[in-house]
Amino acid sequence: MLHIEARVMRAAARRHCQHICELIDYGVEKPDYIFIVIPLLGKDLYKLRNEQINRRFSMCTAIQVGLQTLKAIEELHLSHFISRDIKPGNFMVGLHENQQHKTIFLIDFGLAKKYIDK
């Protein structure tokens, strides 16, 4: 599955996607060990929502979260992949290098499939 994840993240990097988790390194160590290295990210949206009063984001936060998650899905589709596993737990909050504002990143591409736009 990590082969698929690396393939998706490389395709997204070629398109300079801002909301797809960056692949720092990927490799195979002996036949039994496959690894990927990604930046350290914060909590996922599922955990963050459950920490809120009444388990809800404010209207302003919900709008910002919605816009960024939709942008992440759009970037994935423009990279010619579909996720097949969209859920709050697969969106993480983090920071881009040299930026102050929080960004939502889409992660977990183990079920992703490549598609061809005809």
Protein backbone atom coordinates (compact mmCIF):
# COMPACT_ATOMS: atom_id res chain seq x y z
CA MET A 1 0.00 0.00 0.00
CA LEU A 2 2.86 2.41 0.64
CA HIS A 3 3.83 2.09 -3.04
CA ILE A 4 0.44 3.58 -3.95
CA GLU A 5 0.78 6.32 -1.33
CA ALA A 6 4.21 7.32 -2.66
CA ARG A 7 2.92 7.33 -6.24
CA VAL A 8 0.03 9.64 -5.33
CA MET A 9 2.22 12.04 -3.35
CA ARG A 10 4.80 12.21 -6.17
CA ALA A 11 2.06 13.00 -8.71
CA ALA A 12 0.72 15.72 -6.40
CA ALA A 13 4.22 17.17 -5.91
CA ARG A 14 4.67 17.45 -9.68
CA ARG A 15 1.53 19.61 -9.74
CA HIS A 16 2.72 21.65 -6.71
CA CYS A 17 -0.39 20.73 -4.72
CA GLN A 18 -0.71 22.74 -1.52
CA HIS A 19 -3.10 20.42 0.34
CA ILE A 20 -1.60 16.99 -0.36
CA CYS A 21 0.91 15.75 2.19
CA GLU A 22 4.51 16.11 0.97
CA LEU A 23 6.59 12.97 0.39
CA ILE A 24 10.06 13.55 1.84
CA ASP A 25 11.45 10.06 1.25
CA TYR A 26 10.33 6.59 0.27
CA GLY A 27 12.17 3.31 0.03
CA VAL A 28 12.52 -0.38 0.63
CA GLU A 29 14.84 -1.80 3.26
CA LYS A 30 15.11 -5.54 2.65
CA PRO A 31 12.01 -7.20 1.24
CA ASP A 32 9.93 -6.82 4.39
CA TYR A 33 10.37 -3.11 5.20
CA ILE A 34 8.83 -0.37 3.10
CA PHE A 35 8.84 3.18 4.46
CA ILE A 36 7.66 6.68 3.67
CA VAL A 37 8.77 9.88 5.37
CA ILE A 38 6.36 12.82 5.54
CA PRO A 39 6.39 16.08 7.52
CA LEU A 40 5.13 16.06 11.08
CA LEU A 41 1.52 17.20 11.06
CA GLY A 42 -0.93 18.08 13.81
CA LYS A 43 -4.27 16.55 14.70
CA ASP A 44 -6.81 15.27 12.21
CA LEU A 45 -10.21 16.91 11.71
CA TYR A 46 -12.03 14.10 13.51
CA LYS A 47 -10.04 14.68 16.72
CA LEU A 48 -10.20 18.46 16.42
CA ARG A 49 -13.97 18.44 15.96
CA ASN A 50 -14.45 16.17 18.98
CA GLU A 51 -12.44 18.61 21.12
CA GLN A 52 -14.83 21.48 20.31
CA ILE A 53 -17.79 22.54 22.43
CA ASN A 54 -20.77 20.42 21.33
CA ARG A 55 -18.35 18.67 18.95
CA ARG A 56 -18.88 21.40 16.35
CA PHE A 57 -16.66 23.95 14.68
CA SER A 58 -17.75 27.58 14.63
CA MET A 59 -19.39 28.71 11.39
CA CYS A 60 -16.24 30.59 10.34
CA THR A 61 -14.00 27.60 11.07
CA ALA A 62 -16.40 25.21 9.29
CA ILE A 63 -16.30 27.38 6.16
CA GLN A 64 -12.50 27.52 6.18
CA VAL A 65 -12.25 23.76 6.79
CA GLY A 66 -14.76 23.08 4.02
CA LEU A 67 -12.93 25.24 1.50
CA GLN A 68 -9.54 23.68 2.25
CA THR A 69 -10.80 20.08 2.25
CA LEU A 70 -12.54 20.63 -1.09
CA LYS A 71 -9.34 22.17 -2.48
CA ALA A 72 -7.40 19.09 -1.32
CA ILE A 73 -9.84 16.77 -3.09
CA GLU A 74 -9.70 18.94 -6.22
CA GLU A 75 -5.88 18.81 -6.21
CA LEU A 76 -5.96 15.03 -5.87
CA HIS A 77 -8.36 14.76 -8.83
CA LEU A 78 -6.20 17.12 -10.92
CA SER A 79 -3.32 14.73 -10.19
CA HIS A 80 -5.49 12.01 -11.81
CA PHE A 81 -6.24 10.05 -8.63
CA ILE A 82 -9.37 9.43 -6.58
CA SER A 83 -9.09 8.74 -2.85
CA ARG A 84 -11.93 6.28 -2.12
CA ASP A 85 -11.34 7.00 1.61
CA ILE A 86 -12.50 10.56 2.31
CA LYS A 87 -13.24 11.05 6.01
CA PRO A 88 -12.34 13.62 8.71
CA GLY A 89 -9.57 11.38 10.06
CA ASN A 90 -7.70 11.64 6.74
CA PHE A 91 -7.39 15.43 6.84
CA MET A 92 -4.57 16.72 9.05
CA VAL A 93 -3.73 20.26 10.11
CA GLY A 94 -0.17 21.46 9.61
CA LEU A 95 2.01 24.31 8.40
CA HIS A 96 3.74 24.81 5.07
CA GLU A 97 7.42 25.63 5.35
CA ASN A 98 7.95 29.37 6.02
CA GLN A 99 4.22 30.05 6.47
CA GLN A 100 2.29 31.18 9.52
CA HIS A 101 -1.26 30.05 8.69
CA LYS A 102 -2.54 26.53 9.26
CA THR A 103 -3.22 24.36 6.24
CA ILE A 104 -5.32 21.22 5.92
CA PHE A 105 -3.54 18.30 4.25
CA LEU A 106 -5.12 15.19 2.77
CA ILE A 107 -3.34 11.97 3.82
CA ASP A 108 -3.79 8.19 3.50
CA PHE A 109 -3.85 7.18 -0.14
CA GLY A 110 -3.76 3.43 0.41
CA LEU A 111 -7.11 2.96 -1.37
CA ALA A 112 -6.46 5.58 -4.08
CA LYS A 113 -6.93 4.70 -7.73
CA LYS A 114 -5.54 6.38 -10.81
CA TYR A 115 -8.08 7.51 -13.36
CA ILE A 116 -7.90 8.83 -16.89
CA ASP A 117 -10.02 11.84 -17.81
CA LYS A 118 -11.57 11.23 -21.23
